[in-house]
């Protein structure tokens, strides 16, 4: 034996690929106005589109969808530092802000993910051992399933935040309080979230 012992101070990066199915899954993400459940999930804000929102309602839709994406990122960082990479989305035309995303994909990199599962399932954490999707109950026994649960909860959260909103009718930006609610039931949304571990890198000693 080499005598090598891995400990908590060593980096063991893991990568999880996340896919949000926003078209053709269990949930309905087609709300295309300024309602609190509208806007699906936008991984970028209005300023990153070539064609900006055409109306105030569309500007609010984009802002709301982008807030949902940030809420997902916050959830993924709750129990370990996450790096979000390889973000992509599909829509009827990716350069046009008015077009709702139909799928969002990204990769989550954790240098240390060992505490995530226990932080969700154990009594001194969230104490959640399972969740119920429309397709059935899911036991949280892997980090990927814990992340799926956290993303579902993030999508289901109701909150209000003040953000910049683009009004295409006036070609102006302004600050608005945007209220965000879950686009569909959390059970449906769980079924539209896929999380898979895609790689485990070589252990790196950071001492």
C-alpha atoms as a PDB file:
ATOM      1  CA  UNK A   1       0.000   0.000   0.000  1.00  0.00           C
ATOM      2  CA  UNK A   2       1.154   3.516  -0.747  1.00  0.00           C
ATOM      3  CA  UNK A   3       0.033   4.976   2.573  1.00  0.00           C
ATOM      4  CA  UNK A   4      -1.819   7.753   0.743  1.00  0.00           C
ATOM      5  CA  UNK A   5      -4.897   8.957   2.610  1.00  0.00           C
ATOM      6  CA  UNK A   6      -7.378  11.406   1.151  1.00  0.00           C
ATOM      7  CA  UNK A   7      -8.715  14.013   3.550  1.00  0.00           C
ATOM      8  CA  UNK A   8     -11.181  16.866   3.505  1.00  0.00           C
ATOM      9  CA  UNK A   9      -8.513  19.438   2.636  1.00  0.00           C
ATOM     10  CA  UNK A  10      -7.858  17.854  -0.745  1.00  0.00           C
ATOM     11  CA  UNK A  11      -9.652  18.987  -3.866  1.00  0.00           C
ATOM     12  CA  UNK A  12     -11.614  16.389  -5.798  1.00  0.00           C
ATOM     13  CA  UNK A  13     -13.506  18.331  -8.453  1.00  0.00           C
ATOM     14  CA  UNK A  14     -16.776  16.877  -9.659  1.00  0.00           C
ATOM     15  CA  UNK A  15     -18.911  18.078 -12.516  1.00  0.00           C
ATOM     16  CA  UNK A  16     -22.693  17.794 -12.742  1.00  0.00           C
ATOM     17  CA  UNK A  17     -24.605  18.468 -15.935  1.00  0.00           C
ATOM     18  CA  UNK A  18     -27.988  20.083 -15.382  1.00  0.00           C
ATOM     19  CA  UNK A  19     -30.763  20.071 -17.972  1.00  0.00           C
ATOM     20  CA  UNK A  20     -34.037  21.949 -17.564  1.00  0.00           C
ATOM     21  CA  UNK A  21     -36.702  20.727 -19.994  1.00  0.00           C
ATOM     22  CA  UNK A  22     -38.984  23.723 -20.462  1.00  0.00           C
ATOM     23  CA  UNK A  23     -40.939  22.357 -23.411  1.00  0.00           C
ATOM     24  CA  UNK A  24     -42.539  18.948 -23.722  1.00  0.00           C
ATOM     25  CA  UNK A  25     -41.977  17.819 -20.137  1.00  0.00           C
ATOM     26  CA  UNK A  26     -44.436  17.602 -17.269  1.00  0.00           C
ATOM     27  CA  UNK A  27     -44.530  21.306 -16.483  1.00  0.00           C
ATOM     28  CA  UNK A  28     -45.996  24.229 -18.382  1.00  0.00           C
ATOM     29  CA  UNK A  29     -43.482  27.045 -18.864  1.00  0.00           C
ATOM     30  CA  UNK A  30     -45.246  28.773 -21.739  1.00  0.00           C
ATOM     31  CA  UNK A  31     -46.469  31.800 -19.765  1.00  0.00           C
ATOM     32  CA  UNK A  32     -45.460  34.544 -22.177  1.00  0.00           C
ATOM     33  CA  UNK A  33     -46.531  37.746 -20.437  1.00  0.00           C
ATOM     34  CA  UNK A  34     -45.784  39.694 -17.300  1.00  0.00           C
ATOM     35  CA  UNK A  35     -47.534  37.386 -14.801  1.00  0.00           C
ATOM     36  CA  UNK A  36     -45.644  36.139 -11.760  1.00  0.00           C
ATOM     37  CA  UNK A  37     -45.544  32.562 -13.113  1.00  0.00           C
ATOM     38  CA  UNK A  38     -44.409  33.629 -16.584  1.00  0.00           C
ATOM     39  CA  UNK A  39     -40.931  33.807 -18.078  1.00  0.00           C
ATOM     40  CA  UNK A  40     -39.678  30.211 -17.791  1.00  0.00           C
ATOM     41  CA  UNK A  41     -35.913  30.356 -17.042  1.00  0.00           C
ATOM     42  CA  UNK A  42     -33.629  32.821 -18.814  1.00  0.00           C
ATOM     43  CA  UNK A  43     -29.895  32.225 -18.237  1.00  0.00           C
ATOM     44  CA  UNK A  44     -29.085  35.744 -19.436  1.00  0.00           C
ATOM     45  CA  UNK A  45     -30.592  39.191 -18.982  1.00  0.00           C
ATOM     46  CA  UNK A  46     -32.082  41.417 -21.667  1.00  0.00           C
ATOM     47  CA  UNK A  47     -28.812  43.230 -22.382  1.00  0.00           C
ATOM     48  CA  UNK A  48     -27.204  40.049 -23.737  1.00  0.00           C
ATOM     49  CA  UNK A  49     -29.701  39.623 -26.564  1.00  0.00           C
ATOM     50  CA  UNK A  50     -29.185  41.100 -29.998  1.00  0.00           C
ATOM     51  CA  UNK A  51     -32.910  41.868 -30.258  1.00  0.00           C
ATOM     52  CA  UNK A  52     -34.132  43.374 -26.994  1.00  0.00           C
ATOM     53  CA  UNK A  53     -37.606  42.815 -25.500  1.00  0.00           C
ATOM     54  CA  UNK A  54     -40.230  44.391 -27.735  1.00  0.00           C
ATOM     55  CA  UNK A  55     -42.636  45.462 -24.959  1.00  0.00           C
ATOM     56  CA  UNK A  56     -42.659  46.157 -21.250  1.00  0.00           C
ATOM     57  CA  UNK A  57     -44.455  42.832 -20.665  1.00  0.00           C
ATOM     58  CA  UNK A  58     -41.681  40.993 -22.483  1.00  0.00           C
ATOM     59  CA  UNK A  59     -39.072  42.936 -20.541  1.00  0.00           C
ATOM     60  CA  UNK A  60     -40.673  41.812 -17.292  1.00  0.00           C
ATOM     61  CA  UNK A  61     -40.841  38.243 -18.609  1.00  0.00           C
ATOM     62  CA  UNK A  62     -37.113  38.184 -19.324  1.00  0.00           C
ATOM     63  CA  UNK A  63     -36.281  39.760 -15.957  1.00  0.00           C
ATOM     64  CA  UNK A  64     -38.445  37.217 -14.132  1.00  0.00           C
ATOM     65  CA  UNK A  65     -36.916  34.264 -15.965  1.00  0.00           C
ATOM     66  CA  UNK A  66     -33.434  35.563 -15.239  1.00  0.00           C
ATOM     67  CA  UNK A  67     -34.263  35.912 -11.540  1.00  0.00           C
ATOM     68  CA  UNK A  68     -35.292  32.241 -11.530  1.00  0.00           C
ATOM     69  CA  UNK A  69     -31.911  31.310 -13.005  1.00  0.00           C
ATOM     70  CA  UNK A  70     -30.084  33.295 -10.327  1.00  0.00           C
ATOM     71  CA  UNK A  71     -32.205  31.620  -7.668  1.00  0.00           C
ATOM     72  CA  UNK A  72     -31.079  28.231  -9.005  1.00  0.00           C
ATOM     73  CA  UNK A  73     -27.449  29.351  -8.823  1.00  0.00           C
ATOM     74  CA  UNK A  74     -27.943  30.525  -5.236  1.00  0.00           C
ATOM     75  CA  UNK A  75     -29.433  27.125  -4.335  1.00  0.00           C
ATOM     76  CA  UNK A  76     -26.492  25.275  -5.896  1.00  0.00           C
ATOM     77  CA  UNK A  77     -24.120  27.384  -3.787  1.00  0.00           C
ATOM     78  CA  UNK A  78     -26.019  26.838  -0.550  1.00  0.00           C
ATOM     79  CA  UNK A  79     -23.887  23.997   0.832  1.00  0.00           C
ATOM     80  CA  UNK A  80     -20.722  24.204  -1.277  1.00  0.00           C
ATOM     81  CA  UNK A  81     -19.039  26.696  -3.566  1.00  0.00           C
ATOM     82  CA  UNK A  82     -20.213  26.076  -7.116  1.00  0.00           C
ATOM     83  CA  UNK A  83     -18.764  27.233 -10.395  1.00  0.00           C
ATOM     84  CA  UNK A  84     -21.315  27.438 -13.218  1.00  0.00           C
ATOM     85  CA  UNK A  85     -19.859  26.767 -16.659  1.00  0.00           C
ATOM     86  CA  UNK A  86     -20.957  25.811 -20.188  1.00  0.00           C
ATOM     87  CA  UNK A  87     -24.298  27.598 -19.895  1.00  0.00           C
ATOM     88  CA  UNK A  88     -26.508  27.236 -22.950  1.00  0.00           C
ATOM     89  CA  UNK A  89     -30.158  27.387 -23.929  1.00  0.00           C
ATOM     90  CA  UNK A  90     -32.427  26.739 -26.877  1.00  0.00           C
ATOM     91  CA  UNK A  91     -35.381  28.768 -28.121  1.00  0.00           C
ATOM     92  CA  UNK A  92     -37.119  29.686 -31.362  1.00  0.00           C
ATOM     93  CA  UNK A  93     -34.272  32.163 -31.878  1.00  0.00           C
ATOM     94  CA  UNK A  94     -31.528  32.608 -29.294  1.00  0.00           C
ATOM     95  CA  UNK A  95     -30.711  36.189 -30.247  1.00  0.00           C
ATOM     96  CA  UNK A  96     -34.289  37.411 -29.689  1.00  0.00           C
ATOM     97  CA  UNK A  97     -35.259  38.172 -26.098  1.00  0.00           C
ATOM     98  CA  UNK A  98     -38.989  37.705 -26.716  1.00  0.00           C
ATOM     99  CA  UNK A  99     -38.499  33.996 -27.471  1.00  0.00           C
ATOM    100  CA  UNK A 100     -38.987  31.849 -24.358  1.00  0.00           C
ATOM    101  CA  UNK A 101     -36.192  29.336 -23.671  1.00  0.00           C
ATOM    102  CA  UNK A 102     -37.331  25.764 -24.269  1.00  0.00           C
ATOM    103  CA  UNK A 103     -34.286  24.111 -22.680  1.00  0.00           C
ATOM    104  CA  UNK A 104     -31.512  25.343 -20.422  1.00  0.00           C
ATOM    105  CA  UNK A 105     -28.300  23.410 -19.796  1.00  0.00           C
ATOM    106  CA  UNK A 106     -25.231  24.116 -17.703  1.00  0.00           C
ATOM    107  CA  UNK A 107     -22.473  22.369 -15.797  1.00  0.00           C
ATOM    108  CA  UNK A 108     -21.859  22.764 -12.074  1.00  0.00           C
ATOM    109  CA  UNK A 109     -18.307  22.295 -10.850  1.00  0.00           C
ATOM    110  CA  UNK A 110     -17.647  21.596  -7.184  1.00  0.00           C
ATOM    111  CA  UNK A 111     -14.144  21.270  -5.771  1.00  0.00           C
ATOM    112  CA  UNK A 112     -15.697  19.824  -2.640  1.00  0.00           C
ATOM    113  CA  UNK A 113     -19.182  18.338  -2.813  1.00  0.00           C
ATOM    114  CA  UNK A 114     -18.942  15.840   0.048  1.00  0.00           C
ATOM    115  CA  UNK A 115     -21.223  17.806   2.398  1.00  0.00           C
ATOM    116  CA  UNK A 116     -24.096  18.480   0.003  1.00  0.00           C
ATOM    117  CA  UNK A 117     -25.968  15.193   0.358  1.00  0.00           C
ATOM    118  CA  UNK A 118     -25.843  15.188   4.153  1.00  0.00           C
ATOM    119  CA  UNK A 119     -26.760  18.867   4.330  1.00  0.00           C
ATOM    120  CA  UNK A 120     -29.992  18.036   2.530  1.00  0.00           C
ATOM    121  CA  UNK A 121     -30.876  14.698   4.137  1.00  0.00           C
ATOM    122  CA  UNK A 122     -29.527  14.727   7.696  1.00  0.00           C
ATOM    123  CA  UNK A 123     -31.370  15.969  10.766  1.00  0.00           C
ATOM    124  CA  UNK A 124     -28.930  18.808  11.388  1.00  0.00           C
ATOM    125  CA  UNK A 125     -29.424  19.969   7.786  1.00  0.00           C
ATOM    126  CA  UNK A 126     -32.669  20.257   5.839  1.00  0.00           C
ATOM    127  CA  UNK A 127     -33.769  16.807   7.020  1.00  0.00           C
ATOM    128  CA  UNK A 128     -35.298  15.949   3.633  1.00  0.00           C
ATOM    129  CA  UNK A 129     -34.849  12.322   2.610  1.00  0.00           C
ATOM    130  CA  UNK A 130     -37.064  12.286  -0.483  1.00  0.00           C
ATOM    131  CA  UNK A 131     -39.231  14.363  -2.743  1.00  0.00           C
ATOM    132  CA  UNK A 132     -42.292  13.586  -4.796  1.00  0.00           C
ATOM    133  CA  UNK A 133     -42.255  14.196  -8.523  1.00  0.00           C
ATOM    134  CA  UNK A 134     -45.290  13.660 -10.717  1.00  0.00           C
ATOM    135  CA  UNK A 135     -43.678  10.441 -11.932  1.00  0.00           C
ATOM    136  CA  UNK A 136     -43.261   9.161  -8.360  1.00  0.00           C
ATOM    137  CA  UNK A 137     -41.278   9.451  -5.138  1.00  0.00           C
ATOM    138  CA  UNK A 138     -37.510   9.954  -5.345  1.00  0.00           C
ATOM    139  CA  UNK A 139     -35.192   8.948  -2.505  1.00  0.00           C
ATOM    140  CA  UNK A 140     -32.356  11.435  -2.095  1.00  0.00           C
ATOM    141  CA  UNK A 141     -29.415   9.046  -1.868  1.00  0.00           C
ATOM    142  CA  UNK A 142     -26.923  10.740  -4.200  1.00  0.00           C
ATOM    143  CA  UNK A 143     -25.557  14.254  -4.554  1.00  0.00           C
ATOM    144  CA  UNK A 144     -27.147  14.512  -8.011  1.00  0.00           C
ATOM    145  CA  UNK A 145     -30.585  13.845  -6.522  1.00  0.00           C
ATOM    146  CA  UNK A 146     -29.916  16.361  -3.754  1.00  0.00           C
ATOM    147  CA  UNK A 147     -29.097  18.968  -6.398  1.00  0.00           C
ATOM    148  CA  UNK A 148     -32.254  18.078  -8.306  1.00  0.00           C
ATOM    149  CA  UNK A 149     -34.254  18.678  -5.128  1.00  0.00           C
ATOM    150  CA  UNK A 150     -32.542  22.031  -4.477  1.00  0.00           C
ATOM    151  CA  UNK A 151     -33.175  23.210  -8.041  1.00  0.00           C
ATOM    152  CA  UNK A 152     -36.847  22.246  -7.802  1.00  0.00           C
ATOM    153  CA  UNK A 153     -37.196  24.179  -4.569  1.00  0.00           C
ATOM    154  CA  UNK A 154     -35.485  27.184  -6.140  1.00  0.00           C
ATOM    155  CA  UNK A 155     -37.909  27.160  -9.068  1.00  0.00           C
ATOM    156  CA  UNK A 156     -40.863  26.905  -6.702  1.00  0.00           C
ATOM    157  CA  UNK A 157     -39.857  29.859  -4.524  1.00  0.00           C
ATOM    158  CA  UNK A 158     -42.034  32.968  -4.384  1.00  0.00           C
ATOM    159  CA  UNK A 159     -40.162  36.227  -3.884  1.00  0.00           C
ATOM    160  CA  UNK A 160     -39.945  39.840  -5.036  1.00  0.00           C
ATOM    161  CA  UNK A 161     -36.778  41.621  -6.099  1.00  0.00           C
ATOM    162  CA  UNK A 162     -36.016  45.006  -7.618  1.00  0.00           C
ATOM    163  CA  UNK A 163     -34.182  44.679 -10.943  1.00  0.00           C
ATOM    164  CA  UNK A 164     -33.587  46.503 -14.217  1.00  0.00           C
ATOM    165  CA  UNK A 165     -36.363  45.957 -16.754  1.00  0.00           C
ATOM    166  CA  UNK A 166     -36.285  46.910 -20.424  1.00  0.00           C
ATOM    167  CA  UNK A 167     -39.353  48.556 -21.941  1.00  0.00           C
ATOM    168  CA  UNK A 168     -39.225  47.977 -25.675  1.00  0.00           C
ATOM    169  CA  UNK A 169     -42.151  50.300 -26.347  1.00  0.00           C
ATOM    170  CA  UNK A 170     -40.110  53.241 -25.052  1.00  0.00           C
ATOM    171  CA  UNK A 171     -36.591  51.820 -25.613  1.00  0.00           C
ATOM    172  CA  UNK A 172     -35.750  52.557 -21.986  1.00  0.00           C
ATOM    173  CA  UNK A 173     -34.683  50.714 -18.835  1.00  0.00           C
ATOM    174  CA  UNK A 174     -36.080  51.245 -15.363  1.00  0.00           C
ATOM    175  CA  UNK A 175     -35.989  49.656 -11.920  1.00  0.00           C
ATOM    176  CA  UNK A 176     -39.022  47.555 -11.062  1.00  0.00           C
ATOM    177  CA  UNK A 177     -40.107  45.251  -8.271  1.00  0.00           C
ATOM    178  CA  UNK A 178     -40.581  41.885  -9.981  1.00  0.00           C
ATOM    179  CA  UNK A 179     -42.522  39.150  -8.202  1.00  0.00           C
ATOM    180  CA  UNK A 180     -41.557  35.589  -9.089  1.00  0.00           C
ATOM    181  CA  UNK A 181     -43.639  32.465  -8.499  1.00  0.00           C
ATOM    182  CA  UNK A 182     -43.167  28.866  -9.588  1.00  0.00           C
ATOM    183  CA  UNK A 183     -44.153  28.357 -13.246  1.00  0.00           C
ATOM    184  CA  UNK A 184     -45.934  25.088 -12.406  1.00  0.00           C
ATOM    185  CA  UNK A 185     -46.345  22.666  -9.506  1.00  0.00           C
ATOM    186  CA  UNK A 186     -43.093  21.627  -7.898  1.00  0.00           C
ATOM    187  CA  UNK A 187     -43.952  17.963  -8.584  1.00  0.00           C
ATOM    188  CA  UNK A 188     -44.104  18.659 -12.313  1.00  0.00           C
ATOM    189  CA  UNK A 189     -40.946  20.743 -12.224  1.00  0.00           C
ATOM    190  CA  UNK A 190     -38.967  17.985 -10.477  1.00  0.00           C
ATOM    191  CA  UNK A 191     -39.651  15.771 -13.500  1.00  0.00           C
ATOM    192  CA  UNK A 192     -38.271  18.434 -15.829  1.00  0.00           C
ATOM    193  CA  UNK A 193     -34.937  18.674 -13.995  1.00  0.00           C
ATOM    194  CA  UNK A 194     -32.141  16.258 -14.858  1.00  0.00           C
ATOM    195  CA  UNK A 195     -28.829  16.221 -12.983  1.00  0.00           C
ATOM    196  CA  UNK A 196     -26.061  13.787 -13.872  1.00  0.00           C
ATOM    197  CA  UNK A 197     -22.471  13.536 -12.691  1.00  0.00           C
ATOM    198  CA  UNK A 198     -20.294  13.695 -15.790  1.00  0.00           C
ATOM    199  CA  UNK A 199     -16.717  13.556 -14.506  1.00  0.00           C
ATOM    200  CA  UNK A 200     -14.552  13.169 -11.447  1.00  0.00           C
ATOM    201  CA  UNK A 201     -11.181  14.786 -11.872  1.00  0.00           C
ATOM    202  CA  UNK A 202      -7.891  13.702 -10.388  1.00  0.00           C
ATOM    203  CA  UNK A 203      -7.414  14.570  -6.734  1.00  0.00           C
ATOM    204  CA  UNK A 204      -5.455  17.788  -6.259  1.00  0.00           C
ATOM    205  CA  UNK A 205      -3.774  18.619  -2.965  1.00  0.00           C
ATOM    206  CA  UNK A 206      -4.262  22.330  -2.251  1.00  0.00           C
ATOM    207  CA  UNK A 207      -1.856  22.462   0.701  1.00  0.00           C
END
